[in-house]
Protein backbone atom coordinates (compact mmCIF):
# COMPACT_ATOMS: atom_id res chain seq x y z
CA MET A 1 55.09 12.57 49.76
CA THR A 2 51.88 11.39 48.08
CA ARG A 3 51.40 14.78 46.48
CA PHE A 4 54.47 14.03 44.36
CA LEU A 5 53.47 10.44 43.48
CA LEU A 6 50.33 11.35 41.54
CA PRO A 7 52.05 13.84 39.19
CA LEU A 8 54.99 11.41 38.80
CA ALA A 9 52.62 8.55 37.91
CA ALA A 10 50.76 10.77 35.42
CA PHE A 11 54.09 11.81 33.86
CA ILE A 12 55.21 8.17 33.52
CA VAL A 13 51.91 7.22 31.85
CA LEU A 14 52.20 10.19 29.49
CA VAL A 15 55.79 9.22 28.56
CA GLY A 16 54.58 5.66 27.92
CA PHE A 17 51.86 6.87 25.53
CA LEU A 18 54.37 9.10 23.76
CA ALA A 19 56.85 6.23 23.41
CA VAL A 20 54.20 3.97 21.88
CA GLY A 21 52.98 6.76 19.58
CA LEU A 22 56.48 7.37 18.25
CA THR A 23 56.77 3.75 17.13
CA LEU A 24 53.64 3.94 14.96
CA LYS A 25 53.92 4.57 11.23
CA PRO A 26 51.32 6.73 9.47
CA SER A 27 51.31 4.27 6.57
CA ASP A 28 49.93 1.64 8.96
CA VAL A 29 46.78 3.63 9.71
CA PRO A 30 43.91 1.66 8.19
CA SER A 31 41.64 3.48 5.77
CA PRO A 32 37.87 3.18 6.10
CA LEU A 33 37.75 3.46 2.30
CA ILE A 34 39.31 0.03 1.71
CA ASN A 35 36.78 -2.27 -0.02
CA ASN A 36 34.43 0.66 -0.61
CA PRO A 37 33.70 2.57 -3.82
CA ALA A 38 36.22 5.29 -4.56
CA PRO A 39 34.74 8.74 -3.91
CA ASP A 40 33.63 10.41 -7.11
CA PHE A 41 34.93 13.78 -8.26
CA THR A 42 35.16 15.82 -11.41
CA LEU A 43 38.34 17.87 -11.69
CA PRO A 44 40.12 19.79 -14.44
CA GLN A 45 43.08 18.12 -16.08
CA LEU A 46 46.45 19.79 -15.53
CA ALA A 47 47.45 19.54 -19.17
CA SER A 48 44.17 20.99 -20.38
CA ALA A 49 42.03 22.83 -17.80
CA ASP A 50 39.01 22.84 -20.13
CA GLU A 51 38.93 19.01 -20.00
CA THR A 52 37.85 17.15 -16.89
CA PHE A 53 38.49 13.75 -15.35
CA THR A 54 36.31 11.61 -13.12
CA PRO A 55 37.09 8.16 -11.67
CA GLN A 56 34.19 6.87 -13.79
CA ASP A 57 36.54 7.35 -16.78
CA MET A 58 38.61 4.43 -15.44
CA LYS A 59 35.78 1.89 -15.01
CA GLY A 60 36.90 -1.49 -16.28
CA LYS A 61 40.58 -0.82 -15.47
CA VAL A 62 42.74 -1.51 -12.46
CA TRP A 63 44.53 1.77 -11.77
CA LEU A 64 46.47 3.82 -9.27
CA LEU A 65 45.48 7.20 -7.93
CA ASN A 66 48.64 8.94 -6.77
CA VAL A 67 48.11 12.08 -4.68
CA TRP A 68 51.10 14.42 -5.04
CA ALA A 69 52.19 18.05 -4.95
CA SER A 70 55.09 20.07 -6.32
CA TRP A 71 55.87 21.38 -2.81
CA CYS A 72 56.17 17.83 -1.39
CA PRO A 73 59.74 16.45 -0.95
CA PRO A 74 58.58 12.82 -0.45
CA CYS A 75 56.64 13.10 -3.74
CA LEU A 76 59.91 13.76 -5.53
CA GLU A 77 61.46 10.81 -3.67
CA GLU A 78 58.72 8.43 -4.87
CA HIS A 79 58.44 9.84 -8.41
CA PRO A 80 60.99 7.40 -9.92
CA VAL A 81 58.97 4.50 -8.47
CA ILE A 82 55.72 5.86 -9.91
CA THR A 83 57.46 6.40 -13.26
CA ASP A 84 58.79 2.83 -13.18
CA LEU A 85 55.31 1.46 -12.43
CA ALA A 86 53.86 3.41 -15.35
CA THR A 87 56.53 2.51 -17.89
CA THR A 88 57.60 -1.05 -17.08
CA HIS A 89 54.25 -2.40 -15.95
CA ALA A 90 52.01 -0.55 -18.44
CA LEU A 91 49.81 0.51 -15.56
CA SER A 92 47.31 3.36 -15.67
CA ILE A 93 48.27 5.94 -13.07
CA VAL A 94 46.25 9.07 -12.44
CA GLY A 95 47.88 11.90 -10.55
CA LEU A 96 45.81 14.02 -8.21
CA ASN A 97 47.74 17.24 -7.71
CA TYR A 98 46.77 18.27 -4.17
CA LYS A 99 46.51 21.84 -2.87
CA ASP A 100 48.95 23.11 -5.46
CA ALA A 101 48.99 25.84 -8.08
CA PRO A 102 48.51 24.26 -11.53
CA GLU A 103 51.41 26.23 -13.02
CA ASP A 104 53.75 24.91 -10.28
CA ALA A 105 52.54 21.35 -10.89
CA ILE A 106 52.99 21.61 -14.66
CA SER A 107 56.49 23.02 -14.21
CA TRP A 108 57.36 20.21 -11.75
CA LEU A 109 56.19 17.55 -14.23
CA LYS A 110 58.23 19.16 -17.01
CA ARG A 111 61.34 19.08 -14.79
CA HIS A 112 60.92 15.57 -13.39
CA GLY A 113 58.93 13.75 -16.07
CA ASN A 114 55.26 12.97 -16.34
CA ALA A 115 54.44 9.36 -15.53
CA TYR A 116 50.71 9.99 -15.28
CA GLU A 117 48.18 8.90 -17.87
CA THR A 118 46.19 11.88 -16.62
CA SER A 119 46.89 14.38 -13.87
CA VAL A 120 44.16 16.50 -12.33
CA SER A 121 44.22 19.67 -10.27
CA ASP A 122 42.66 19.63 -6.80
CA GLU A 123 43.65 23.16 -5.77
CA GLN A 124 41.20 23.37 -2.86
CA GLY A 125 41.89 19.81 -1.68
CA LEU A 126 38.21 18.85 -1.73
CA ALA A 127 38.67 15.56 -3.62
CA GLY A 128 41.66 14.78 -1.42
CA ASN A 129 39.48 15.34 1.64
CA ASP A 130 36.92 12.86 0.28
CA TYR A 131 39.72 10.29 0.00
CA GLY A 132 40.87 10.99 3.55
CA VAL A 133 44.20 12.48 2.47
CA TYR A 134 46.07 13.84 5.47
CA GLY A 135 49.48 14.09 3.88
CA VAL A 136 51.08 13.66 0.51
CA PRO A 137 52.02 11.44 -1.15
CA GLU A 138 49.28 8.88 -0.86
CA THR A 139 48.57 6.12 -3.36
CA TYR A 140 45.40 4.10 -3.89
CA VAL A 141 44.86 0.91 -5.89
CA ILE A 142 41.40 0.96 -7.44
CA ASP A 143 39.87 -2.10 -9.08
CA LYS A 144 37.86 -2.48 -12.30
CA SER A 145 34.60 -1.80 -10.45
CA GLY A 146 35.88 1.43 -8.92
CA VAL A 147 36.48 -0.02 -5.45
CA ILE A 148 39.54 0.99 -3.42
CA ARG A 149 41.54 -2.15 -2.61
CA TYR A 150 44.69 -0.66 -1.10
CA LYS A 151 46.00 2.61 0.29
CA HIS A 152 49.63 3.54 0.92
CA THR A 153 50.44 6.66 2.91
CA GLY A 154 53.86 8.19 2.29
CA ALA A 155 56.36 7.66 -0.49
CA VAL A 156 56.01 4.32 -2.28
CA SER A 157 59.34 2.50 -2.31
CA TYR A 158 60.55 0.07 -4.95
CA SER A 159 60.12 -2.79 -2.47
CA GLU A 160 56.55 -1.70 -1.64
CA ALA A 161 55.75 -1.53 -5.36
CA ARG A 162 57.34 -4.94 -6.03
CA ASP A 163 56.12 -6.83 -2.96
CA THR A 164 52.67 -5.37 -2.32
CA ILE A 165 51.29 -3.17 -5.09
CA MET A 166 52.19 -5.19 -8.20
CA PRO A 167 51.03 -8.57 -6.83
CA LEU A 168 47.71 -6.98 -5.87
CA ILE A 169 47.36 -5.36 -9.30
CA ARG A 170 48.09 -8.67 -11.07
CA GLU A 171 45.47 -10.37 -8.90
CA LEU A 172 42.87 -7.67 -9.60
CA GLN A 173 43.53 -7.71 -13.35
CA GLN A 174 42.59 -11.41 -13.64
């Protein structure tokens, strides 16, 4: 009888861990980058591969870094929100095109609109790795000093933009 109790107890514990794990949201995973300087990179711009971009170009501005890809369905879902942030709030948004072919990314932006002040190509995903990207889309709020103040994993919703991102941006711009 006891030979069945140990496997049954182990199974119940395993089911408990699985049940708890299924209730967690990836967007709730804290980032060790919060309140630390944004990792530096130099990447080619999508619109002009002979020109580069580095986060140092944004010093003195509060800005968003939006990690996206043309092959990412949630990126398309959040694109209207990113476009709204760029147009109605006059906010600088830099797109980091992650593990994507530049020609696919350019075509995607032509089809769906380009809300980005600048969009860069991270074909190998090295800059994304430095930012701890484990899935796209991801969005970072970076302050005037180049410090990451907020990270959102997954598609940004209108309510997330209105209730969390914009109040933080207004606070950081003061």
